[in-house]
Amino acid sequence: MVFIISDALSLFTSATSLLLFLSILTSRYAEGDFLCILPKRLILGLVTLFLSITTMMVAFTFSLYLVLDHRKAWMLVPVAALACLPVTCFVSLQFPLLVDLISSTYGHGIFRKQSDRQFY
């Protein structure tokens, strides 16, 4: 049951991520798009991509568990750990971009009030 749910979630989130990134490529690139619409689409695209990768790894791990069927359970942990290595690398490289996008889109961003002090 976990495999079926994670596989379906992986399919839906990857398709959503693909559509969001394609909508960024095919947008009209007006001034208002760069301020509001494009950052929101990029944030949603990255979040759904992270969810897709996570649910894909859960589906992969449970498919290994189902295939090995307790005969070679010792192989499950090293293979799952090695499979998670590229995922953690991707998340560690892209997560700062997501945090910066969220803080600049929904936070003060570049238009925050400047301090009276000139030097810090």
PDB file of N, CA and C in Angstrom:
ATOM      1  N   MET A   1       0.813  -1.191   0.000  1.00  0.00           N
ATOM      2  CA  MET A   1       0.000   0.000   0.000  1.00  0.00           C
ATOM      3  C   MET A   1       0.865   1.267   0.000  1.00  0.00           C
ATOM      4  N   VAL A   2       1.966   1.246   0.764  1.00  0.00           N
ATOM      5  CA  VAL A   2       2.868   2.396   0.806  1.00  0.00           C
ATOM      6  C   VAL A   2       3.497   2.611  -0.568  1.00  0.00           C
ATOM      7  N   PHE A   3       3.858   1.532  -1.243  1.00  0.00           N
ATOM      8  CA  PHE A   3       4.439   1.642  -2.577  1.00  0.00           C
ATOM      9  C   PHE A   3       3.454   2.282  -3.549  1.00  0.00           C
ATOM     10  N   ILE A   4       2.205   1.861  -3.515  1.00  0.00           N
ATOM     11  CA  ILE A   4       1.204   2.382  -4.444  1.00  0.00           C
ATOM     12  C   ILE A   4       0.961   3.873  -4.199  1.00  0.00           C
ATOM     13  N   ILE A   5       0.839   4.266  -2.938  1.00  0.00           N
ATOM     14  CA  ILE A   5       0.580   5.673  -2.617  1.00  0.00           C
ATOM     15  C   ILE A   5       1.782   6.544  -2.982  1.00  0.00           C
ATOM     16  N   SER A   6       2.983   6.098  -2.633  1.00  0.00           N
ATOM     17  CA  SER A   6       4.164   6.899  -2.948  1.00  0.00           C
ATOM     18  C   SER A   6       4.425   6.951  -4.449  1.00  0.00           C
ATOM     19  N   ASP A   7       4.118   5.878  -5.166  1.00  0.00           N
ATOM     20  CA  ASP A   7       4.288   5.881  -6.619  1.00  0.00           C
ATOM     21  C   ASP A   7       3.300   6.842  -7.272  1.00  0.00           C
ATOM     22  N   ALA A   8       2.055   6.848  -6.818  1.00  0.00           N
ATOM     23  CA  ALA A   8       1.055   7.758  -7.367  1.00  0.00           C
ATOM     24  C   ALA A   8       1.397   9.214  -7.036  1.00  0.00           C
ATOM     25  N   LEU A   9       1.826   9.477  -5.804  1.00  0.00           N
ATOM     26  CA  LEU A   9       2.225  10.830  -5.437  1.00  0.00           C
ATOM     27  C   LEU A   9       3.431  11.301  -6.235  1.00  0.00           C
ATOM     28  N   SER A  10       4.349  10.396  -6.485  1.00  0.00           N
ATOM     29  CA  SER A  10       5.511  10.737  -7.289  1.00  0.00           C
ATOM     30  C   SER A  10       5.116  11.101  -8.709  1.00  0.00           C
ATOM     31  N   LEU A  11       4.193  10.367  -9.276  1.00  0.00           N
ATOM     32  CA  LEU A  11       3.717  10.667 -10.625  1.00  0.00           C
ATOM     33  C   LEU A  11       3.025  12.020 -10.681  1.00  0.00           C
ATOM     34  N   PHE A  12       2.128  12.283  -9.741  1.00  0.00           N
ATOM     35  CA  PHE A  12       1.374  13.531  -9.755  1.00  0.00           C
ATOM     36  C   PHE A  12       2.269  14.741  -9.501  1.00  0.00           C
ATOM     37  N   THR A  13       3.178  14.627  -8.546  1.00  0.00           N
ATOM     38  CA  THR A  13       4.028  15.770  -8.240  1.00  0.00           C
ATOM     39  C   THR A  13       5.068  16.012  -9.334  1.00  0.00           C
ATOM     40  N   SER A  14       5.556  14.969  -9.971  1.00  0.00           N
ATOM     41  CA  SER A  14       6.505  15.184 -11.067  1.00  0.00           C
ATOM     42  C   SER A  14       5.815  15.803 -12.272  1.00  0.00           C
ATOM     43  N   ALA A  15       4.589  15.384 -12.573  1.00  0.00           N
ATOM     44  CA  ALA A  15       3.851  15.997 -13.677  1.00  0.00           C
ATOM     45  C   ALA A  15       3.528  17.457 -13.371  1.00  0.00           C
ATOM     46  N   THR A  16       3.164  17.758 -12.138  1.00  0.00           N
ATOM     47  CA  THR A  16       2.888  19.132 -11.744  1.00  0.00           C
ATOM     48  C   THR A  16       4.148  19.981 -11.831  1.00  0.00           C
ATOM     49  N   SER A  17       5.267  19.446 -11.383  1.00  0.00           N
ATOM     50  CA  SER A  17       6.527  20.173 -11.454  1.00  0.00           C
ATOM     51  C   SER A  17       6.914  20.453 -12.907  1.00  0.00           C
ATOM     52  N   LEU A  18       6.754  19.480 -13.754  1.00  0.00           N
ATOM     53  CA  LEU A  18       7.070  19.659 -15.166  1.00  0.00           C
ATOM     54  C   LEU A  18       6.192  20.738 -15.799  1.00  0.00           C
ATOM     55  N   LEU A  19       4.901  20.705 -15.496  1.00  0.00           N
ATOM     56  CA  LEU A  19       3.991  21.709 -16.044  1.00  0.00           C
ATOM     57  C   LEU A  19       4.301  23.111 -15.517  1.00  0.00           C
ATOM     58  N   LEU A  20       4.683  23.214 -14.256  1.00  0.00           N
ATOM     59  CA  LEU A  20       5.029  24.526 -13.704  1.00  0.00           C
ATOM     60  C   LEU A  20       6.292  25.090 -14.347  1.00  0.00           C
ATOM     61  N   PHE A  21       7.302  24.252 -14.540  1.00  0.00           N
ATOM     62  CA  PHE A  21       8.526  24.730 -15.180  1.00  0.00           C
ATOM     63  C   PHE A  21       8.287  25.061 -16.652  1.00  0.00           C
ATOM     64  N   LEU A  22       7.435  24.319 -17.328  1.00  0.00           N
ATOM     65  CA  LEU A  22       7.092  24.658 -18.712  1.00  0.00           C
ATOM     66  C   LEU A  22       6.289  25.956 -18.786  1.00  0.00           C
ATOM     67  N   SER A  23       5.444  26.208 -17.792  1.00  0.00           N
ATOM     68  CA  SER A  23       4.700  27.466 -17.785  1.00  0.00           C
ATOM     69  C   SER A  23       5.630  28.653 -17.563  1.00  0.00           C
ATOM     70  N   ILE A  24       6.742  28.446 -16.862  1.00  0.00           N
ATOM     71  CA  ILE A  24       7.730  29.517 -16.717  1.00  0.00           C
ATOM     72  C   ILE A  24       8.389  29.803 -18.058  1.00  0.00           C
ATOM     73  N   LEU A  25       8.705  28.751 -18.796  1.00  0.00           N
ATOM     74  CA  LEU A  25       9.357  28.938 -20.092  1.00  0.00           C
ATOM     75  C   LEU A  25       8.450  29.603 -21.113  1.00  0.00           C
ATOM     76  N   THR A  26       7.166  29.347 -21.030  1.00  0.00           N
ATOM     77  CA  THR A  26       6.249  29.880 -22.047  1.00  0.00           C
ATOM     78  C   THR A  26       5.500  31.126 -21.588  1.00  0.00           C
ATOM     79  N   SER A  27       5.936  31.748 -20.504  1.00  0.00           N
ATOM     80  CA  SER A  27       5.249  32.964 -20.050  1.00  0.00           C
ATOM     81  C   SER A  27       5.635  34.134 -20.939  1.00  0.00           C
ATOM     82  N   ARG A  28       4.921  35.229 -20.807  1.00  0.00           N
ATOM     83  CA  ARG A  28       5.114  36.373 -21.697  1.00  0.00           C
ATOM     84  C   ARG A  28       6.218  37.311 -21.244  1.00  0.00           C
ATOM     85  N   TYR A  29       6.752  37.118 -20.057  1.00  0.00           N
ATOM     86  CA  TYR A  29       7.874  37.895 -19.529  1.00  0.00           C
ATOM     87  C   TYR A  29       7.584  39.395 -19.461  1.00  0.00           C
ATOM     88  N   ALA A  30       6.436  39.763 -18.943  1.00  0.00           N
ATOM     89  CA  ALA A  30       6.115  41.168 -18.696  1.00  0.00           C
ATOM     90  C   ALA A  30       6.722  41.590 -17.355  1.00  0.00           C
ATOM     91  N   GLU A  31       6.673  42.883 -17.072  1.00  0.00           N
ATOM     92  CA  GLU A  31       7.273  43.377 -15.828  1.00  0.00           C
ATOM     93  C   GLU A  31       6.608  42.793 -14.594  1.00  0.00           C
ATOM     94  N   GLY A  32       5.299  42.714 -14.591  1.00  0.00           N
ATOM     95  CA  GLY A  32       4.584  42.164 -13.449  1.00  0.00           C
ATOM     96  C   GLY A  32       4.842  40.681 -13.245  1.00  0.00           C
ATOM     97  N   ASP A  33       5.167  39.983 -14.321  1.00  0.00           N
ATOM     98  CA  ASP A  33       5.463  38.553 -14.204  1.00  0.00           C
ATOM     99  C   ASP A  33       6.724  38.306 -13.392  1.00  0.00           C
ATOM    100  N   PHE A  34       7.738  39.147 -13.579  1.00  0.00           N
ATOM    101  CA  PHE A  34       8.997  38.944 -12.859  1.00  0.00           C
ATOM    102  C   PHE A  34       8.860  39.253 -11.375  1.00  0.00           C
ATOM    103  N   LEU A  35       7.918  40.076 -11.013  1.00  0.00           N
ATOM    104  CA  LEU A  35       7.754  40.447  -9.608  1.00  0.00           C
ATOM    105  C   LEU A  35       6.892  39.452  -8.842  1.00  0.00           C
ATOM    106  N   CYS A  36       5.838  38.945  -9.463  1.00  0.00           N
ATOM    107  CA  CYS A  36       4.884  38.101  -8.727  1.00  0.00           C
ATOM    108  C   CYS A  36       4.754  36.694  -9.281  1.00  0.00           C
ATOM    109  N   ILE A  37       4.380  36.573 -10.539  1.00  0.00           N
ATOM    110  CA  ILE A  37       3.963  35.284 -11.077  1.00  0.00           C
ATOM    111  C   ILE A  37       5.125  34.313 -11.229  1.00  0.00           C
ATOM    112  N   LEU A  38       6.228  34.740 -11.837  1.00  0.00           N
ATOM    113  CA  LEU A  38       7.342  33.833 -12.076  1.00  0.00           C
ATOM    114  C   LEU A  38       8.009  33.317 -10.799  1.00  0.00           C
ATOM    115  N   PRO A  39       8.240  34.157  -9.773  1.00  0.00           N
ATOM    116  CA  PRO A  39       8.795  33.597  -8.532  1.00  0.00           C
ATOM    117  C   PRO A  39       7.866  32.591  -7.854  1.00  0.00           C
ATOM    118  N   LYS A  40       6.545  32.874  -7.896  1.00  0.00           N
ATOM    119  CA  LYS A  40       5.608  31.924  -7.283  1.00  0.00           C
ATOM    120  C   LYS A  40       5.606  30.595  -8.030  1.00  0.00           C
ATOM    121  N   ARG A  41       5.664  30.654  -9.360  1.00  0.00           N
ATOM    122  CA  ARG A  41       5.720  29.409 -10.139  1.00  0.00           C
ATOM    123  C   ARG A  41       7.016  28.654  -9.884  1.00  0.00           C
ATOM    124  N   LEU A  42       8.117  29.379  -9.765  1.00  0.00           N
ATOM    125  CA  LEU A  42       9.388  28.727  -9.490  1.00  0.00           C
ATOM    126  C   LEU A  42       9.397  28.088  -8.108  1.00  0.00           C
ATOM    127  N   ILE A  43       8.827  28.770  -7.120  1.00  0.00           N
ATOM    128  CA  ILE A  43       8.737  28.200  -5.768  1.00  0.00           C
ATOM    129  C   ILE A  43       7.885  26.940  -5.785  1.00  0.00           C
ATOM    130  N   LEU A  44       6.709  27.017  -6.411  1.00  0.00           N
ATOM    131  CA  LEU A  44       5.844  25.831  -6.484  1.00  0.00           C
ATOM    132  C   LEU A  44       6.496  24.707  -7.276  1.00  0.00           C
ATOM    133  N   GLY A  45       7.205  25.056  -8.341  1.00  0.00           N
ATOM    134  CA  GLY A  45       7.904  24.042  -9.130  1.00  0.00           C
ATOM    135  C   GLY A  45       8.987  23.340  -8.336  1.00  0.00           C
ATOM    136  N   LEU A  46       9.772  24.107  -7.572  1.00  0.00           N
ATOM    137  CA  LEU A  46      10.822  23.493  -6.754  1.00  0.00           C
ATOM    138  C   LEU A  46      10.248  22.648  -5.623  1.00  0.00           C
ATOM    139  N   VAL A  47       9.169  23.124  -4.997  1.00  0.00           N
ATOM    140  CA  VAL A  47       8.556  22.348  -3.911  1.00  0.00           C
ATOM    141  C   VAL A  47       7.992  21.033  -4.446  1.00  0.00           C
ATOM    142  N   THR A  48       7.292  21.096  -5.578  1.00  0.00           N
ATOM    143  CA  THR A  48       6.744  19.850  -6.134  1.00  0.00           C
ATOM    144  C   THR A  48       7.855  18.943  -6.651  1.00  0.00           C
ATOM    145  N   LEU A  49       8.961  19.517  -7.117  1.00  0.00           N
ATOM    146  CA  LEU A  49      10.093  18.681  -7.528  1.00  0.00           C
ATOM    147  C   LEU A  49      10.718  17.983  -6.330  1.00  0.00           C
ATOM    148  N   PHE A  50      10.864  18.694  -5.207  1.00  0.00           N
ATOM    149  CA  PHE A  50      11.384  18.067  -3.988  1.00  0.00           C
ATOM    150  C   PHE A  50      10.444  16.953  -3.509  1.00  0.00           C
ATOM    151  N   LEU A  51       9.138  17.216  -3.536  1.00  0.00           N
ATOM    152  CA  LEU A  51       8.180  16.178  -3.129  1.00  0.00           C
ATOM    153  C   LEU A  51       8.216  14.985  -4.082  1.00  0.00           C
ATOM    154  N   SER A  52       8.374  15.253  -5.354  1.00  0.00           N
ATOM    155  CA  SER A  52       8.449  14.173  -6.332  1.00  0.00           C
ATOM    156  C   SER A  52       9.664  13.292  -6.103  1.00  0.00           C
ATOM    157  N   ILE A  53      10.796  13.909  -5.861  1.00  0.00           N
ATOM    158  CA  ILE A  53      12.021  13.139  -5.619  1.00  0.00           C
ATOM    159  C   ILE A  53      11.902  12.340  -4.327  1.00  0.00           C
ATOM    160  N   THR A  54      11.331  12.937  -3.301  1.00  0.00           N
ATOM    161  CA  THR A  54      11.172  12.238  -2.030  1.00  0.00           C
ATOM    162  C   THR A  54      10.248  11.040  -2.165  1.00  0.00           C
ATOM    163  N   THR A  55       9.097  11.230  -2.799  1.00  0.00           N
ATOM    164  CA  THR A  55       8.168  10.102  -2.955  1.00  0.00           C
ATOM    165  C   THR A  55       8.712   9.053  -3.918  1.00  0.00           C
ATOM    166  N   MET A  56       9.525   9.476  -4.883  1.00  0.00           N
ATOM    167  CA  MET A  56      10.174   8.505  -5.768  1.00  0.00           C
ATOM    168  C   MET A  56      11.149   7.624  -4.987  1.00  0.00           C
ATOM    169  N   MET A  57      11.884   8.227  -4.050  1.00  0.00           N
ATOM    170  CA  MET A  57      12.820   7.432  -3.245  1.00  0.00           C
ATOM    171  C   MET A  57      12.074   6.500  -2.290  1.00  0.00           C
ATOM    172  N   VAL A  58      10.943   6.946  -1.761  1.00  0.00           N
ATOM    173  CA  VAL A  58      10.140   6.062  -0.910  1.00  0.00           C
ATOM    174  C   VAL A  58       9.605   4.889  -1.723  1.00  0.00           C
ATOM    175  N   ALA A  59       9.124   5.147  -2.931  1.00  0.00           N
ATOM    176  CA  ALA A  59       8.629   4.071  -3.795  1.00  0.00           C
ATOM    177  C   ALA A  59       9.755   3.118  -4.179  1.00  0.00           C
ATOM    178  N   PHE A  60      10.941   3.662  -4.446  1.00  0.00           N
ATOM    179  CA  PHE A  60      12.087   2.809  -4.792  1.00  0.00           C
ATOM    180  C   PHE A  60      12.481   1.916  -3.624  1.00  0.00           C
ATOM    181  N   THR A  61      12.514   2.481  -2.428  1.00  0.00           N
ATOM    182  CA  THR A  61      12.895   1.704  -1.255  1.00  0.00           C
ATOM    183  C   THR A  61      11.882   0.602  -0.970  1.00  0.00           C
ATOM    184  N   PHE A  62      10.594   0.922  -1.072  1.00  0.00           N
ATOM    185  CA  PHE A  62       9.593  -0.111  -0.810  1.00  0.00           C
ATOM    186  C   PHE A  62       9.521  -1.142  -1.922  1.00  0.00           C
ATOM    187  N   SER A  63       9.854  -0.779  -3.142  1.00  0.00           N
ATOM    188  CA  SER A  63       9.913  -1.799  -4.195  1.00  0.00           C
ATOM    189  C   SER A  63      11.083  -2.750  -3.956  1.00  0.00           C
ATOM    190  N   LEU A  64      12.205  -2.225  -3.474  1.00  0.00           N
ATOM    191  CA  LEU A  64      13.314  -3.114  -3.096  1.00  0.00           C
ATOM    192  C   LEU A  64      12.917  -4.025  -1.943  1.00  0.00           C
ATOM    193  N   TYR A  65      12.192  -3.476  -0.992  1.00  0.00           N
ATOM    194  CA  TYR A  65      11.746  -4.274   0.140  1.00  0.00           C
ATOM    195  C   TYR A  65      10.819  -5.402  -0.312  1.00  0.00           C
ATOM    196  N   LEU A  66       9.942  -5.079  -1.272  1.00  0.00           N
ATOM    197  CA  LEU A  66       9.026  -6.109  -1.773  1.00  0.00           C
ATOM    198  C   LEU A  66       9.736  -7.158  -2.605  1.00  0.00           C
ATOM    199  N   VAL A  67      10.730  -6.753  -3.368  1.00  0.00           N
ATOM    200  CA  VAL A  67      11.451  -7.701  -4.220  1.00  0.00           C
ATOM    201  C   VAL A  67      12.362  -8.597  -3.389  1.00  0.00           C
ATOM    202  N   LEU A  68      13.065  -8.024  -2.440  1.00  0.00           N
ATOM    203  CA  LEU A  68      13.998  -8.821  -1.639  1.00  0.00           C
ATOM    204  C   LEU A  68      13.282  -9.766  -0.682  1.00  0.00           C
ATOM    205  N   ASP A  69      12.151  -9.378  -0.160  1.00  0.00           N
ATOM    206  CA  ASP A  69      11.286 -10.258   0.636  1.00  0.00           C
ATOM    207  C   ASP A  69      12.024 -10.966   1.769  1.00  0.00           C
ATOM    208  N   HIS A  70      12.748 -10.217   2.564  1.00  0.00           N
ATOM    209  CA  HIS A  70      13.445 -10.697   3.770  1.00  0.00           C
ATOM    210  C   HIS A  70      14.552 -11.712   3.482  1.00  0.00           C
ATOM    211  N   ARG A  71      14.797 -12.058   2.229  1.00  0.00           N
ATOM    212  CA  ARG A  71      15.883 -12.996   1.948  1.00  0.00           C
ATOM    213  C   ARG A  71      17.231 -12.307   2.046  1.00  0.00           C
ATOM    214  N   LYS A  72      17.314 -11.148   1.457  1.00  0.00           N
ATOM    215  CA  LYS A  72      18.566 -10.391   1.489  1.00  0.00           C
ATOM    216  C   LYS A  72      18.286  -9.004   2.058  1.00  0.00           C
ATOM    217  N   ALA A  73      17.766  -8.989   3.247  1.00  0.00           N
ATOM    218  CA  ALA A  73      17.392  -7.718   3.877  1.00  0.00           C
ATOM    219  C   ALA A  73      18.614  -6.861   4.189  1.00  0.00           C
ATOM    220  N   TRP A  74      19.773  -7.472   4.312  1.00  0.00           N
ATOM    221  CA  TRP A  74      20.983  -6.718   4.597  1.00  0.00           C
ATOM    222  C   TRP A  74      21.381  -5.834   3.415  1.00  0.00           C
ATOM    223  N   MET A  75      20.915  -6.153   2.206  1.00  0.00           N
ATOM    224  CA  MET A  75      21.232  -5.350   1.028  1.00  0.00           C
ATOM    225  C   MET A  75      20.366  -4.100   0.939  1.00  0.00           C
ATOM    226  N   LEU A  76      19.255  -4.090   1.625  1.00  0.00           N
ATOM    227  CA  LEU A  76      18.308  -2.989   1.524  1.00  0.00           C
ATOM    228  C   LEU A  76      18.886  -1.673   2.036  1.00  0.00           C
ATOM    229  N   VAL A  77      19.549  -1.702   3.166  1.00  0.00           N
ATOM    230  CA  VAL A  77      20.068  -0.474   3.774  1.00  0.00           C
ATOM    231  C   VAL A  77      21.182   0.157   2.936  1.00  0.00           C
ATOM    232  N   PRO A  78      22.204  -0.601   2.485  1.00  0.00           N
ATOM    233  CA  PRO A  78      23.244   0.070   1.678  1.00  0.00           C
ATOM    234  C   PRO A  78      22.735   0.583   0.327  1.00  0.00           C
ATOM    235  N   VAL A  79      21.851  -0.164  -0.324  1.00  0.00           N
ATOM    236  CA  VAL A  79      21.338   0.274  -1.619  1.00  0.00           C
ATOM    237  C   VAL A  79      20.459   1.507  -1.452  1.00  0.00           C
ATOM    238  N   ALA A  80      19.626   1.527  -0.444  1.00  0.00           N
ATOM    239  CA  ALA A  80      18.787   2.698  -0.193  1.00  0.00           C
ATOM    240  C   ALA A  80      19.635   3.910   0.196  1.00  0.00           C
ATOM    241  N   ALA A  81      20.686   3.694   0.954  1.00  0.00           N
ATOM    242  CA  ALA A  81      21.570   4.796   1.327  1.00  0.00           C
ATOM    243  C   ALA A  81      22.302   5.356   0.109  1.00  0.00           C
ATOM    244  N   LEU A  82      22.770   4.478  -0.765  1.00  0.00           N
ATOM    245  CA  LEU A  82      23.434   4.944  -1.983  1.00  0.00           C
ATOM    246  C   LEU A  82      22.456   5.625  -2.938  1.00  0.00           C
ATOM    247  N   ALA A  83      21.224   5.183  -2.942  1.00  0.00           N
ATOM    248  CA  ALA A  83      20.215   5.814  -3.798  1.00  0.00           C
ATOM    249  C   ALA A  83      19.832   7.192  -3.269  1.00  0.00           C
ATOM    250  N   CYS A  84      19.925   7.385  -1.974  1.00  0.00           N
ATOM    251  CA  CYS A  84      19.593   8.691  -1.384  1.00  0.00           C
ATOM    252  C   CYS A  84      20.722   9.701  -1.528  1.00  0.00           C
ATOM    253  N   LEU A  85      21.900   9.261  -1.898  1.00  0.00           N
ATOM    254  CA  LEU A  85      23.037  10.161  -2.029  1.00  0.00           C
ATOM    255  C   LEU A  85      22.817  11.247  -3.089  1.00  0.00           C
ATOM    256  N   PRO A  86      22.389  10.921  -4.323  1.00  0.00           N
ATOM    257  CA  PRO A  86      22.128  12.003  -5.285  1.00  0.00           C
ATOM    258  C   PRO A  86      20.972  12.912  -4.870  1.00  0.00           C
ATOM    259  N   VAL A  87      20.003  12.357  -4.172  1.00  0.00           N
ATOM    260  CA  VAL A  87      18.862  13.158  -3.725  1.00  0.00           C
ATOM    261  C   VAL A  87      19.305  14.187  -2.695  1.00  0.00           C
ATOM    262  N   THR A  88      20.105  13.771  -1.739  1.00  0.00           N
ATOM    263  CA  THR A  88      20.592  14.713  -0.731  1.00  0.00           C
ATOM    264  C   THR A  88      21.511  15.753  -1.357  1.00  0.00           C
ATOM    265  N   CYS A  89      22.270  15.361  -2.365  1.00  0.00           N
ATOM    266  CA  CYS A  89      23.119  16.313  -3.075  1.00  0.00           C
ATOM    267  C   CYS A  89      22.262  17.348  -3.792  1.00  0.00           C
ATOM    268  N   PHE A  90      21.210  16.913  -4.456  1.00  0.00           N
ATOM    269  CA  PHE A  90      20.322  17.835  -5.159  1.00  0.00           C
ATOM    270  C   PHE A  90      19.623  18.774  -4.192  1.00  0.00           C
ATOM    271  N   VAL A  91      19.127  18.248  -3.097  1.00  0.00           N
ATOM    272  CA  VAL A  91      18.428  19.076  -2.111  1.00  0.00           C
ATOM    273  C   VAL A  91      19.389  20.073  -1.479  1.00  0.00           C
ATOM    274  N   SER A  92      20.593  19.650  -1.158  1.00  0.00           N
ATOM    275  CA  SER A  92      21.542  20.571  -0.541  1.00  0.00           C
ATOM    276  C   SER A  92      21.969  21.672  -1.497  1.00  0.00           C
ATOM    277  N   LEU A  93      21.949  21.406  -2.801  1.00  0.00           N
ATOM    278  CA  LEU A  93      22.310  22.442  -3.765  1.00  0.00           C
ATOM    279  C   LEU A  93      21.148  23.381  -4.083  1.00  0.00           C
ATOM    280  N   GLN A  94      19.920  22.884  -4.088  1.00  0.00           N
ATOM    281  CA  GLN A  94      18.774  23.685  -4.504  1.00  0.00           C
ATOM    282  C   GLN A  94      17.990  24.305  -3.344  1.00  0.00           C
ATOM    283  N   PHE A  95      18.157  23.803  -2.136  1.00  0.00           N
ATOM    284  CA  PHE A  95      17.401  24.331  -1.005  1.00  0.00           C
ATOM    285  C   PHE A  95      17.734  25.793  -0.693  1.00  0.00           C
ATOM    286  N   PRO A  96      19.007  26.224  -0.775  1.00  0.00           N
ATOM    287  CA  PRO A  96      19.265  27.662  -0.548  1.00  0.00           C
ATOM    288  C   PRO A  96      18.561  28.556  -1.571  1.00  0.00           C
ATOM    289  N   LEU A  97      18.451  28.100  -2.814  1.00  0.00           N
ATOM    290  CA  LEU A  97      17.709  28.868  -3.807  1.00  0.00           C
ATOM    291  C   LEU A  97      16.246  28.992  -3.419  1.00  0.00           C
ATOM    292  N   LEU A  98      15.658  27.908  -2.939  1.00  0.00           N
ATOM    293  CA  LEU A  98      14.260  27.945  -2.520  1.00  0.00           C
ATOM    294  C   LEU A  98      14.061  28.884  -1.339  1.00  0.00           C
ATOM    295  N   VAL A  99      14.949  28.854  -0.384  1.00  0.00           N
ATOM    296  CA  VAL A  99      14.845  29.739   0.779  1.00  0.00           C
ATOM    297  C   VAL A  99      14.985  31.194   0.354  1.00  0.00           C
ATOM    298  N   ASP A 100      15.923  31.490  -0.534  1.00  0.00           N
ATOM    299  CA  ASP A 100      16.087  32.858  -1.019  1.00  0.00           C
ATOM    300  C   ASP A 100      14.867  33.325  -1.805  1.00  0.00           C
ATOM    301  N   LEU A 101      14.305  32.444  -2.615  1.00  0.00           N
ATOM    302  CA  LEU A 101      13.108  32.801  -3.373  1.00  0.00           C
ATOM    303  C   LEU A 101      11.929  33.106  -2.453  1.00  0.00           C
ATOM    304  N   ILE A 102      11.746  32.271  -1.440  1.00  0.00           N
ATOM    305  CA  ILE A 102      10.630  32.491  -0.519  1.00  0.00           C
ATOM    306  C   ILE A 102      10.823  33.773   0.277  1.00  0.00           C
ATOM    307  N   SER A 103      12.041  34.012   0.736  1.00  0.00           N
ATOM    308  CA  SER A 103      12.275  35.219   1.534  1.00  0.00           C
ATOM    309  C   SER A 103      12.161  36.477   0.686  1.00  0.00           C
ATOM    310  N   SER A 104      12.593  36.437  -0.569  1.00  0.00           N
ATOM    311  CA  SER A 104      12.492  37.643  -1.387  1.00  0.00           C
ATOM    312  C   SER A 104      11.097  37.842  -1.954  1.00  0.00           C
ATOM    313  N   THR A 105      10.326  36.764  -2.129  1.00  0.00           N
ATOM    314  CA  THR A 105       8.979  36.897  -2.673  1.00  0.00           C
ATOM    315  C   THR A 105       7.976  37.264  -1.594  1.00  0.00           C
ATOM    316  N   TYR A 106       8.020  36.566  -0.471  1.00  0.00           N
ATOM    317  CA  TYR A 106       7.030  36.778   0.582  1.00  0.00           C
ATOM    318  C   TYR A 106       7.548  37.597   1.754  1.00  0.00           C
ATOM    319  N   GLY A 107       8.847  37.785   1.831  1.00  0.00           N
ATOM    320  CA  GLY A 107       9.420  38.586   2.903  1.00  0.00           C
ATOM    321  C   GLY A 107       9.613  40.016   2.460  1.00  0.00           C
ATOM    322  N   HIS A 108      10.592  40.663   3.059  1.00  0.00           N
ATOM    323  CA  HIS A 108      10.865  42.049   2.713  1.00  0.00           C
ATOM    324  C   HIS A 108      11.527  42.150   1.350  1.00  0.00           C
ATOM    325  N   GLY A 109      12.386  41.177   1.015  1.00  0.00           N
ATOM    326  CA  GLY A 109      13.028  41.157  -0.286  1.00  0.00           C
ATOM    327  C   GLY A 109      14.011  42.289  -0.484  1.00  0.00           C
ATOM    328  N   ILE A 110      14.118  42.761  -1.711  1.00  0.00           N
ATOM    329  CA  ILE A 110      15.068  43.823  -2.022  1.00  0.00           C
ATOM    330  C   ILE A 110      14.507  45.200  -1.724  1.00  0.00           C
ATOM    331  N   PHE A 111      13.221  45.286  -1.419  1.00  0.00           N
ATOM    332  CA  PHE A 111      12.594  46.569  -1.176  1.00  0.00           C
ATOM    333  C   PHE A 111      12.447  46.896   0.308  1.00  0.00           C
ATOM    334  N   ARG A 112      13.215  46.229   1.166  1.00  0.00           N
ATOM    335  CA  ARG A 112      13.108  46.496   2.603  1.00  0.00           C
ATOM    336  C   ARG A 112      13.698  47.865   2.925  1.00  0.00           C
ATOM    337  N   LYS A 113      13.273  48.396   4.032  1.00  0.00           N
ATOM    338  CA  LYS A 113      13.702  49.725   4.442  1.00  0.00           C
ATOM    339  C   LYS A 113      15.177  49.688   4.813  1.00  0.00           C
ATOM    340  N   GLN A 114      15.915  50.616   4.294  1.00  0.00           N
ATOM    341  CA  GLN A 114      17.345  50.679   4.553  1.00  0.00           C
ATOM    342  C   GLN A 114      17.598  51.211   5.966  1.00  0.00           C
ATOM    343  N   SER A 115      18.636  50.740   6.573  1.00  0.00           N
ATOM    344  CA  SER A 115      19.009  51.186   7.913  1.00  0.00           C
ATOM    345  C   SER A 115      19.676  52.564   7.846  1.00  0.00           C
ATOM    346  N   ASP A 116      19.645  53.286   8.949  1.00  0.00           N
ATOM    347  CA  ASP A 116      20.275  54.586   9.006  1.00  0.00           C
ATOM    348  C   ASP A 116      21.799  54.469   9.090  1.00  0.00           C
ATOM    349  N   ARG A 117      22.263  53.324   9.583  1.00  0.00           N
ATOM    350  CA  ARG A 117      23.704  53.114   9.690  1.00  0.00           C
ATOM    351  C   ARG A 117      24.294  52.836   8.324  1.00  0.00           C
ATOM    352  N   GLN A 118      25.486  53.400   8.058  1.00  0.00           N
ATOM    353  CA  GLN A 118      26.116  53.175   6.769  1.00  0.00           C
ATOM    354  C   GLN A 118      27.002  51.952   6.795  1.00  0.00           C
ATOM    355  N   PHE A 119      27.628  51.690   7.940  1.00  0.00           N
ATOM    356  CA  PHE A 119      28.548  50.562   8.038  1.00  0.00           C
ATOM    357  C   PHE A 119      28.094  49.647   9.152  1.00  0.00           C
ATOM    358  N   TYR A 120      28.321  48.383   8.968  1.00  0.00           N
ATOM    359  CA  TYR A 120      27.911  47.391   9.979  1.00  0.00           C
ATOM    360  C   TYR A 120      29.076  46.920  10.760  1.00  0.00           C
TER     361      TYR A 120
END
